[in-house]
């Protein structure tokens, strides 16, 4: 049984992506953790050769393509100064958590995608046990705009998006 399990691990080990080249359909972190948990030293070497860290800029570009939007369209749906937003999207500035969230809200992306954008920009992901983050998660999942999100934040006496 252990040998069969090891074989399955080795076979699945060689592809970090469910569809090769499609970065938007990556395997779940928990699946990768299981692979690494049972990997040999050589399998680790093979795995490390496959890892190609994606940057915030690259991931955002993938999301733009997925949602068939332009940077300008997304920026128009935020309260971010246009020049500053472009600087964030070019990697010249690191936006605050609120700025990155607004870009995600403008994309109308999923919570997973929003959290990935936040983490790629060295920000903490949205956490449902925090009052303000709970409102932001609700806003994202409800596909409401920045103005409506700020109204919710005011209603629950939380700081508006800056």
N, C-alpha and C. Protein backbone atom coordinates (compact mmCIF):
# COMPACT_ATOMS: atom_id res chain seq x y z
N UNK A 1 0.83 -1.19 0.00
CA UNK A 1 0.00 0.00 0.00
C UNK A 1 0.87 1.26 0.00
N UNK A 2 1.93 1.25 0.81
CA UNK A 2 2.83 2.40 0.88
C UNK A 2 3.50 2.64 -0.47
N UNK A 3 3.88 1.56 -1.15
CA UNK A 3 4.51 1.68 -2.46
C UNK A 3 3.54 2.30 -3.47
N UNK A 4 2.30 1.88 -3.45
CA UNK A 4 1.29 2.43 -4.36
C UNK A 4 1.09 3.91 -4.08
N UNK A 5 1.01 4.28 -2.80
CA UNK A 5 0.85 5.69 -2.42
C UNK A 5 2.05 6.50 -2.90
N UNK A 6 3.23 5.94 -2.72
CA UNK A 6 4.46 6.62 -3.14
C UNK A 6 4.46 6.84 -4.65
N UNK A 7 3.97 5.87 -5.41
CA UNK A 7 3.91 5.98 -6.86
C UNK A 7 2.97 7.12 -7.27
N UNK A 8 1.81 7.21 -6.64
CA UNK A 8 0.86 8.28 -6.94
C UNK A 8 1.47 9.63 -6.62
N UNK A 9 2.16 9.72 -5.51
CA UNK A 9 2.81 10.97 -5.12
C UNK A 9 3.84 11.38 -6.16
N UNK A 10 4.67 10.43 -6.59
CA UNK A 10 5.72 10.73 -7.56
C UNK A 10 5.11 11.17 -8.88
N UNK A 11 4.07 10.48 -9.35
CA UNK A 11 3.43 10.84 -10.61
C UNK A 11 2.86 12.26 -10.54
N UNK A 12 2.13 12.55 -9.47
CA UNK A 12 1.51 13.88 -9.36
C UNK A 12 2.53 14.96 -9.04
N UNK A 13 3.68 14.54 -8.56
CA UNK A 13 4.72 15.47 -8.15
C UNK A 13 5.27 16.29 -9.30
N UNK A 14 5.24 15.73 -10.49
CA UNK A 14 5.89 16.37 -11.61
C UNK A 14 5.06 17.47 -12.26
N UNK A 15 3.90 17.76 -11.75
CA UNK A 15 3.11 18.85 -12.32
C UNK A 15 2.53 19.70 -11.20
N UNK A 16 3.04 20.91 -11.10
CA UNK A 16 2.50 21.84 -10.12
C UNK A 16 1.16 22.39 -10.55
N UNK A 17 0.89 22.33 -11.83
CA UNK A 17 -0.32 22.90 -12.40
C UNK A 17 -1.19 21.79 -12.97
N UNK A 18 -2.48 21.89 -12.76
CA UNK A 18 -3.40 20.89 -13.30
C UNK A 18 -3.35 20.90 -14.82
N UNK A 19 -3.28 22.06 -15.43
CA UNK A 19 -3.10 22.18 -16.87
C UNK A 19 -1.78 22.90 -17.07
N UNK A 20 -0.80 22.22 -17.65
CA UNK A 20 0.54 22.78 -17.80
C UNK A 20 0.47 24.13 -18.50
N UNK A 21 1.15 25.11 -17.94
CA UNK A 21 1.22 26.43 -18.52
C UNK A 21 0.06 27.33 -18.11
N UNK A 22 -0.95 26.79 -17.48
CA UNK A 22 -2.10 27.60 -17.07
C UNK A 22 -1.94 27.94 -15.59
N UNK A 23 -1.35 29.06 -15.32
CA UNK A 23 -1.06 29.45 -13.94
C UNK A 23 -2.32 29.70 -13.12
N UNK A 24 -3.43 29.94 -13.77
CA UNK A 24 -4.65 30.25 -13.04
C UNK A 24 -5.28 28.98 -12.45
N UNK A 25 -4.81 27.81 -12.82
CA UNK A 25 -5.40 26.58 -12.32
C UNK A 25 -4.36 25.79 -11.54
N UNK A 26 -3.68 26.44 -10.64
CA UNK A 26 -2.65 25.79 -9.84
C UNK A 26 -3.27 24.76 -8.91
N UNK A 27 -2.45 23.78 -8.55
CA UNK A 27 -2.89 22.82 -7.55
C UNK A 27 -3.05 23.54 -6.22
N UNK A 28 -3.90 23.00 -5.39
CA UNK A 28 -4.12 23.57 -4.06
C UNK A 28 -2.86 23.44 -3.22
N UNK A 29 -2.64 24.41 -2.36
CA UNK A 29 -1.49 24.39 -1.46
C UNK A 29 -1.49 23.12 -0.62
N UNK A 30 -2.65 22.71 -0.15
CA UNK A 30 -2.73 21.50 0.69
C UNK A 30 -2.27 20.26 -0.08
N UNK A 31 -2.58 20.21 -1.40
CA UNK A 31 -2.11 19.09 -2.22
C UNK A 31 -0.59 19.11 -2.34
N UNK A 32 -0.04 20.30 -2.56
CA UNK A 32 1.42 20.43 -2.66
C UNK A 32 2.10 20.09 -1.34
N UNK A 33 1.48 20.48 -0.23
CA UNK A 33 2.04 20.15 1.08
C UNK A 33 2.09 18.64 1.27
N UNK A 34 1.06 17.93 0.83
CA UNK A 34 1.04 16.47 0.94
C UNK A 34 2.14 15.85 0.09
N UNK A 35 2.33 16.39 -1.11
CA UNK A 35 3.40 15.89 -1.98
C UNK A 35 4.75 16.07 -1.30
N UNK A 36 4.99 17.25 -0.76
CA UNK A 36 6.28 17.52 -0.11
C UNK A 36 6.47 16.69 1.15
N UNK A 37 5.39 16.40 1.82
CA UNK A 37 5.45 15.62 3.06
C UNK A 37 6.03 14.23 2.81
N UNK A 38 5.78 13.69 1.60
CA UNK A 38 6.20 12.32 1.30
C UNK A 38 7.31 12.26 0.25
N UNK A 39 7.89 13.38 -0.10
CA UNK A 39 8.88 13.43 -1.18
C UNK A 39 10.25 13.00 -0.71
N UNK A 40 10.98 12.42 -1.64
CA UNK A 40 12.39 12.10 -1.39
C UNK A 40 13.22 13.35 -1.71
N UNK A 41 14.51 13.29 -1.42
CA UNK A 41 15.40 14.41 -1.71
C UNK A 41 15.42 14.71 -3.21
N UNK A 42 15.48 13.67 -4.03
CA UNK A 42 15.49 13.86 -5.49
C UNK A 42 14.17 14.47 -5.97
N UNK A 43 13.06 14.04 -5.40
CA UNK A 43 11.76 14.60 -5.77
C UNK A 43 11.68 16.07 -5.38
N UNK A 44 12.30 16.41 -4.25
CA UNK A 44 12.36 17.82 -3.86
C UNK A 44 13.13 18.62 -4.89
N UNK A 45 14.25 18.08 -5.35
CA UNK A 45 15.04 18.77 -6.39
C UNK A 45 14.19 18.99 -7.65
N UNK A 46 13.48 17.96 -8.07
CA UNK A 46 12.61 18.08 -9.26
C UNK A 46 11.53 19.14 -9.04
N UNK A 47 10.95 19.13 -7.87
CA UNK A 47 9.91 20.10 -7.51
C UNK A 47 10.46 21.52 -7.56
N UNK A 48 11.63 21.70 -6.96
CA UNK A 48 12.24 23.04 -6.91
C UNK A 48 12.54 23.57 -8.31
N UNK A 49 12.85 22.66 -9.24
CA UNK A 49 13.10 23.07 -10.62
C UNK A 49 11.82 23.51 -11.33
N UNK A 50 10.67 23.08 -10.83
CA UNK A 50 9.39 23.45 -11.44
C UNK A 50 8.82 24.75 -10.89
N UNK A 51 9.24 25.12 -9.69
CA UNK A 51 8.66 26.30 -9.07
C UNK A 51 9.11 27.54 -9.82
N UNK A 52 8.16 28.28 -10.24
CA UNK A 52 8.42 29.52 -10.96
C UNK A 52 7.55 30.58 -10.30
N UNK A 53 8.09 31.22 -9.27
CA UNK A 53 7.30 32.19 -8.51
C UNK A 53 6.67 33.21 -9.44
N UNK A 54 5.42 33.46 -9.21
CA UNK A 54 4.69 34.46 -9.99
C UNK A 54 4.68 35.75 -9.19
N UNK A 55 4.83 36.84 -9.86
CA UNK A 55 4.83 38.14 -9.18
C UNK A 55 3.41 38.71 -9.13
N UNK A 56 3.24 39.72 -8.32
CA UNK A 56 1.97 40.44 -8.25
C UNK A 56 1.56 40.93 -9.64
N UNK A 57 2.51 41.50 -10.36
CA UNK A 57 2.25 42.07 -11.69
C UNK A 57 1.78 40.97 -12.65
N UNK A 58 2.49 39.84 -12.65
CA UNK A 58 2.12 38.73 -13.53
C UNK A 58 0.74 38.17 -13.18
N UNK A 59 0.49 38.01 -11.88
CA UNK A 59 -0.80 37.46 -11.45
C UNK A 59 -1.94 38.41 -11.80
N UNK A 60 -1.72 39.70 -11.60
CA UNK A 60 -2.75 40.67 -11.94
C UNK A 60 -3.02 40.63 -13.45
N UNK A 61 -1.98 40.50 -14.24
CA UNK A 61 -2.14 40.41 -15.70
C UNK A 61 -2.96 39.17 -16.07
N UNK A 62 -2.72 38.05 -15.39
CA UNK A 62 -3.51 36.84 -15.63
C UNK A 62 -4.98 37.08 -15.30
N UNK A 63 -5.23 37.79 -14.21
CA UNK A 63 -6.62 38.07 -13.82
C UNK A 63 -7.29 39.02 -14.82
N UNK A 64 -6.54 40.00 -15.30
CA UNK A 64 -7.09 40.90 -16.32
C UNK A 64 -7.54 40.10 -17.53
N UNK A 65 -6.70 39.16 -17.94
CA UNK A 65 -7.02 38.33 -19.09
C UNK A 65 -8.23 37.45 -18.78
N UNK A 66 -8.24 36.83 -17.61
CA UNK A 66 -9.34 35.95 -17.21
C UNK A 66 -10.67 36.68 -17.23
N UNK A 67 -10.68 37.91 -16.71
CA UNK A 67 -11.92 38.68 -16.59
C UNK A 67 -12.15 39.61 -17.79
N UNK A 68 -11.25 39.52 -18.77
CA UNK A 68 -11.37 40.31 -20.01
C UNK A 68 -11.54 41.81 -19.69
N UNK A 69 -10.62 42.32 -18.89
CA UNK A 69 -10.66 43.73 -18.50
C UNK A 69 -9.30 44.37 -18.77
N UNK A 70 -9.31 45.68 -18.87
CA UNK A 70 -8.06 46.43 -19.00
C UNK A 70 -7.71 47.03 -17.64
N UNK A 71 -6.46 47.43 -17.49
CA UNK A 71 -6.05 48.11 -16.25
C UNK A 71 -6.91 49.34 -16.02
N UNK A 72 -7.13 50.11 -17.07
CA UNK A 72 -7.93 51.33 -16.96
C UNK A 72 -9.35 51.06 -16.47
N UNK A 73 -9.96 49.99 -16.97
CA UNK A 73 -11.32 49.64 -16.53
C UNK A 73 -11.35 49.32 -15.04
N UNK A 74 -10.36 48.58 -14.60
CA UNK A 74 -10.30 48.21 -13.18
C UNK A 74 -10.06 49.46 -12.33
N UNK A 75 -9.11 50.29 -12.73
CA UNK A 75 -8.78 51.49 -11.97
C UNK A 75 -9.99 52.42 -11.87
N UNK A 76 -10.77 52.51 -12.92
CA UNK A 76 -11.97 53.36 -12.90
C UNK A 76 -12.99 52.91 -11.87
N UNK A 77 -12.90 51.68 -11.43
CA UNK A 77 -13.84 51.14 -10.43
C UNK A 77 -13.31 51.27 -9.01
N UNK A 78 -12.21 52.01 -8.84
CA UNK A 78 -11.61 52.20 -7.51
C UNK A 78 -11.62 53.67 -7.12
N UNK A 79 -11.20 53.92 -5.91
CA UNK A 79 -10.99 55.31 -5.43
C UNK A 79 -9.50 55.62 -5.36
N UNK A 80 -8.73 54.97 -6.20
CA UNK A 80 -7.28 55.14 -6.20
C UNK A 80 -6.91 56.15 -7.28
N UNK A 81 -6.02 57.08 -6.94
CA UNK A 81 -5.51 58.02 -7.93
C UNK A 81 -4.95 57.22 -9.10
N UNK A 82 -5.32 57.61 -10.30
CA UNK A 82 -4.96 56.86 -11.51
C UNK A 82 -3.45 56.64 -11.64
N UNK A 83 -2.67 57.68 -11.42
CA UNK A 83 -1.21 57.57 -11.53
C UNK A 83 -0.67 56.59 -10.50
N UNK A 84 -1.15 56.72 -9.27
CA UNK A 84 -0.69 55.83 -8.20
C UNK A 84 -1.08 54.38 -8.50
N UNK A 85 -2.29 54.17 -9.02
CA UNK A 85 -2.75 52.82 -9.35
C UNK A 85 -1.84 52.20 -10.41
N UNK A 86 -1.51 52.97 -11.44
CA UNK A 86 -0.61 52.44 -12.48
C UNK A 86 0.77 52.13 -11.89
N UNK A 87 1.23 52.94 -10.95
CA UNK A 87 2.53 52.67 -10.31
C UNK A 87 2.49 51.34 -9.55
N UNK A 88 1.36 51.06 -8.89
CA UNK A 88 1.19 49.78 -8.19
C UNK A 88 1.23 48.64 -9.21
N UNK A 89 0.50 48.81 -10.31
CA UNK A 89 0.38 47.74 -11.30
C UNK A 89 1.66 47.55 -12.12
N UNK A 90 2.55 48.53 -12.08
CA UNK A 90 3.86 48.41 -12.73
C UNK A 90 4.94 47.95 -11.76
N UNK A 91 4.58 47.81 -10.49
CA UNK A 91 5.52 47.36 -9.48
C UNK A 91 6.42 48.44 -8.93
N UNK A 92 6.15 49.70 -9.27
CA UNK A 92 6.97 50.81 -8.77
C UNK A 92 6.56 51.23 -7.38
N UNK A 93 5.33 50.91 -6.97
CA UNK A 93 4.83 51.20 -5.63
C UNK A 93 4.18 49.95 -5.08
N UNK A 94 4.28 49.80 -3.76
CA UNK A 94 3.55 48.74 -3.07
C UNK A 94 2.34 49.38 -2.43
N UNK A 95 1.18 49.06 -2.96
CA UNK A 95 -0.04 49.64 -2.41
C UNK A 95 -0.38 49.07 -1.05
N UNK A 96 -1.16 49.82 -0.32
CA UNK A 96 -1.65 49.35 0.98
C UNK A 96 -2.63 48.20 0.76
N UNK A 97 -2.99 47.55 1.84
CA UNK A 97 -3.97 46.47 1.76
C UNK A 97 -5.28 46.99 1.16
N UNK A 98 -5.69 48.20 1.55
CA UNK A 98 -6.92 48.80 1.01
C UNK A 98 -6.84 49.02 -0.49
N UNK A 99 -5.69 49.45 -0.97
CA UNK A 99 -5.52 49.71 -2.41
C UNK A 99 -5.59 48.40 -3.20
N UNK A 100 -4.90 47.38 -2.71
CA UNK A 100 -4.91 46.09 -3.39
C UNK A 100 -6.32 45.51 -3.36
N UNK A 101 -7.01 45.67 -2.22
CA UNK A 101 -8.38 45.18 -2.13
C UNK A 101 -9.27 45.90 -3.15
N UNK A 102 -9.12 47.20 -3.27
CA UNK A 102 -9.92 47.95 -4.24
C UNK A 102 -9.69 47.45 -5.67
N UNK A 103 -8.45 47.14 -6.00
CA UNK A 103 -8.16 46.60 -7.33
C UNK A 103 -8.86 45.24 -7.51
N UNK A 104 -8.83 44.42 -6.48
CA UNK A 104 -9.51 43.12 -6.54
C UNK A 104 -11.02 43.32 -6.68
N UNK A 105 -11.56 44.28 -5.95
CA UNK A 105 -12.99 44.59 -6.02
C UNK A 105 -13.35 45.07 -7.42
N UNK A 106 -12.48 45.88 -8.01
CA UNK A 106 -12.70 46.36 -9.37
C UNK A 106 -12.71 45.24 -10.39
N UNK A 107 -11.90 44.22 -10.15
CA UNK A 107 -11.86 43.05 -11.02
C UNK A 107 -13.08 42.15 -10.83
N UNK A 108 -13.70 42.28 -9.65
CA UNK A 108 -14.78 41.36 -9.24
C UNK A 108 -14.27 39.92 -9.20
N UNK A 109 -13.07 39.79 -8.66
CA UNK A 109 -12.45 38.46 -8.59
C UNK A 109 -12.92 37.70 -7.35
N UNK A 110 -12.49 36.47 -7.24
CA UNK A 110 -12.87 35.62 -6.11
C UNK A 110 -12.08 35.99 -4.86
N UNK A 111 -12.53 35.49 -3.74
CA UNK A 111 -11.81 35.71 -2.48
C UNK A 111 -10.42 35.10 -2.55
N UNK A 112 -10.30 33.91 -3.13
CA UNK A 112 -9.00 33.27 -3.28
C UNK A 112 -8.06 34.16 -4.10
N UNK A 113 -8.56 34.69 -5.21
CA UNK A 113 -7.74 35.54 -6.07
C UNK A 113 -7.36 36.83 -5.35
N UNK A 114 -8.30 37.40 -4.61
CA UNK A 114 -8.01 38.62 -3.83
C UNK A 114 -6.92 38.35 -2.81
N UNK A 115 -7.06 37.25 -2.08
CA UNK A 115 -6.06 36.91 -1.06
C UNK A 115 -4.69 36.64 -1.69
N UNK A 116 -4.69 36.05 -2.87
CA UNK A 116 -3.43 35.82 -3.57
C UNK A 116 -2.78 37.15 -3.95
N UNK A 117 -3.59 38.09 -4.46
CA UNK A 117 -3.06 39.42 -4.79
C UNK A 117 -2.48 40.09 -3.54
N UNK A 118 -3.20 40.00 -2.44
CA UNK A 118 -2.71 40.61 -1.19
C UNK A 118 -1.38 39.98 -0.76
N UNK A 119 -1.32 38.66 -0.78
CA UNK A 119 -0.11 37.98 -0.33
C UNK A 119 1.07 38.24 -1.26
N UNK A 120 0.81 38.33 -2.57
CA UNK A 120 1.90 38.63 -3.51
C UNK A 120 2.41 40.06 -3.35
N UNK A 121 1.63 40.88 -2.68
CA UNK A 121 2.04 42.26 -2.41
C UNK A 121 2.45 42.41 -0.94
N UNK A 122 2.78 41.29 -0.31
CA UNK A 122 3.25 41.26 1.09
C UNK A 122 2.25 41.84 2.08
N UNK A 123 0.97 41.60 1.82
CA UNK A 123 -0.10 42.03 2.74
C UNK A 123 -0.78 40.78 3.29
N UNK A 124 -1.38 40.92 4.46
CA UNK A 124 -2.09 39.78 5.03
C UNK A 124 -3.39 39.54 4.28
N UNK A 125 -3.76 38.28 4.18
CA UNK A 125 -5.00 37.97 3.49
C UNK A 125 -6.19 38.36 4.37
N UNK A 126 -7.35 38.43 3.75
CA UNK A 126 -8.56 38.77 4.48
C UNK A 126 -8.90 37.63 5.43
N UNK A 127 -9.25 37.99 6.65
CA UNK A 127 -9.46 37.01 7.71
C UNK A 127 -10.86 37.21 8.28
N UNK A 128 -11.75 36.22 8.14
CA UNK A 128 -13.15 36.39 8.52
C UNK A 128 -13.41 36.60 10.02
N UNK A 129 -12.41 36.40 10.85
CA UNK A 129 -12.61 36.65 12.28
C UNK A 129 -12.32 38.10 12.66
N UNK A 130 -11.91 38.90 11.69
CA UNK A 130 -11.74 40.34 11.92
C UNK A 130 -12.97 41.04 11.37
N UNK A 131 -13.53 41.94 12.15
CA UNK A 131 -14.77 42.63 11.77
C UNK A 131 -14.65 43.28 10.40
N UNK A 132 -13.64 44.10 10.22
CA UNK A 132 -13.50 44.85 8.97
C UNK A 132 -13.27 43.90 7.80
N UNK A 133 -12.42 42.91 7.99
CA UNK A 133 -12.17 41.94 6.93
C UNK A 133 -13.44 41.17 6.57
N UNK A 134 -14.28 40.88 7.55
CA UNK A 134 -15.54 40.20 7.27
C UNK A 134 -16.41 41.02 6.33
N UNK A 135 -16.45 42.31 6.55
CA UNK A 135 -17.22 43.20 5.67
C UNK A 135 -16.61 43.21 4.27
N UNK A 136 -15.29 43.25 4.19
CA UNK A 136 -14.61 43.25 2.89
C UNK A 136 -14.86 41.94 2.14
N UNK A 137 -14.85 40.83 2.86
CA UNK A 137 -15.15 39.53 2.24
C UNK A 137 -16.58 39.53 1.71
N UNK A 138 -17.50 40.03 2.53
CA UNK A 138 -18.90 40.11 2.09
C UNK A 138 -19.02 40.96 0.82
N UNK A 139 -18.36 42.09 0.81
CA UNK A 139 -18.41 42.99 -0.35
C UNK A 139 -17.85 42.31 -1.59
N UNK A 140 -16.74 41.64 -1.43
CA UNK A 140 -16.11 40.95 -2.56
C UNK A 140 -17.03 39.85 -3.10
N UNK A 141 -17.56 39.05 -2.21
CA UNK A 141 -18.42 37.93 -2.62
C UNK A 141 -19.75 38.43 -3.19
N UNK A 142 -20.20 39.59 -2.73
CA UNK A 142 -21.46 40.17 -3.21
C UNK A 142 -21.28 40.96 -4.50
N UNK A 143 -20.01 41.12 -4.91
CA UNK A 143 -19.67 41.85 -6.15
C UNK A 143 -20.19 43.29 -6.14
N UNK A 144 -20.13 43.92 -4.96
CA UNK A 144 -20.55 45.32 -4.90
C UNK A 144 -19.34 46.22 -5.17
N UNK A 145 -19.60 47.50 -5.40
CA UNK A 145 -18.52 48.42 -5.77
C UNK A 145 -17.88 49.07 -4.54
N UNK A 146 -16.88 49.88 -4.78
CA UNK A 146 -16.14 50.53 -3.69
C UNK A 146 -17.05 51.45 -2.88
N UNK A 147 -17.90 52.22 -3.55
CA UNK A 147 -18.81 53.13 -2.86
C UNK A 147 -19.73 52.36 -1.91
N UNK A 148 -20.33 51.28 -2.40
CA UNK A 148 -21.22 50.47 -1.57
C UNK A 148 -20.46 49.79 -0.43
N UNK A 149 -19.23 49.40 -0.70
CA UNK A 149 -18.39 48.80 0.34
C UNK A 149 -18.13 49.81 1.45
N UNK A 150 -17.80 51.04 1.07
CA UNK A 150 -17.57 52.09 2.07
C UNK A 150 -18.84 52.38 2.88
N UNK A 151 -20.00 52.32 2.23
CA UNK A 151 -21.25 52.51 2.97
C UNK A 151 -21.42 51.42 4.03
N UNK A 152 -21.10 50.20 3.68
CA UNK A 152 -21.17 49.10 4.65
C UNK A 152 -20.19 49.32 5.80
N UNK A 153 -18.99 49.74 5.46
CA UNK A 153 -17.98 49.98 6.49
C UNK A 153 -18.43 51.07 7.46
N UNK A 154 -19.03 52.12 6.93
CA UNK A 154 -19.55 53.19 7.79
C UNK A 154 -20.68 52.66 8.66
N UNK A 155 -21.58 51.90 8.05
CA UNK A 155 -22.73 51.34 8.78
C UNK A 155 -22.28 50.53 10.00
N UNK A 156 -21.17 49.80 9.84
CA UNK A 156 -20.67 48.96 10.93
C UNK A 156 -19.52 49.63 11.69
N UNK A 157 -19.39 50.92 11.51
CA UNK A 157 -18.43 51.75 12.24
C UNK A 157 -16.99 51.26 12.09
N UNK A 158 -16.63 50.98 10.85
CA UNK A 158 -15.27 50.59 10.51
C UNK A 158 -14.69 51.65 9.57
N UNK A 159 -13.37 51.72 9.50
CA UNK A 159 -12.71 52.68 8.62
C UNK A 159 -13.02 52.37 7.15
N UNK A 160 -13.31 53.44 6.40
CA UNK A 160 -13.58 53.26 4.98
C UNK A 160 -12.28 52.91 4.25
N UNK A 161 -12.43 52.43 3.02
CA UNK A 161 -11.26 52.12 2.19
C UNK A 161 -10.52 53.40 1.85
N UNK A 162 -9.25 53.41 2.08
CA UNK A 162 -8.41 54.57 1.80
C UNK A 162 -7.73 54.43 0.47
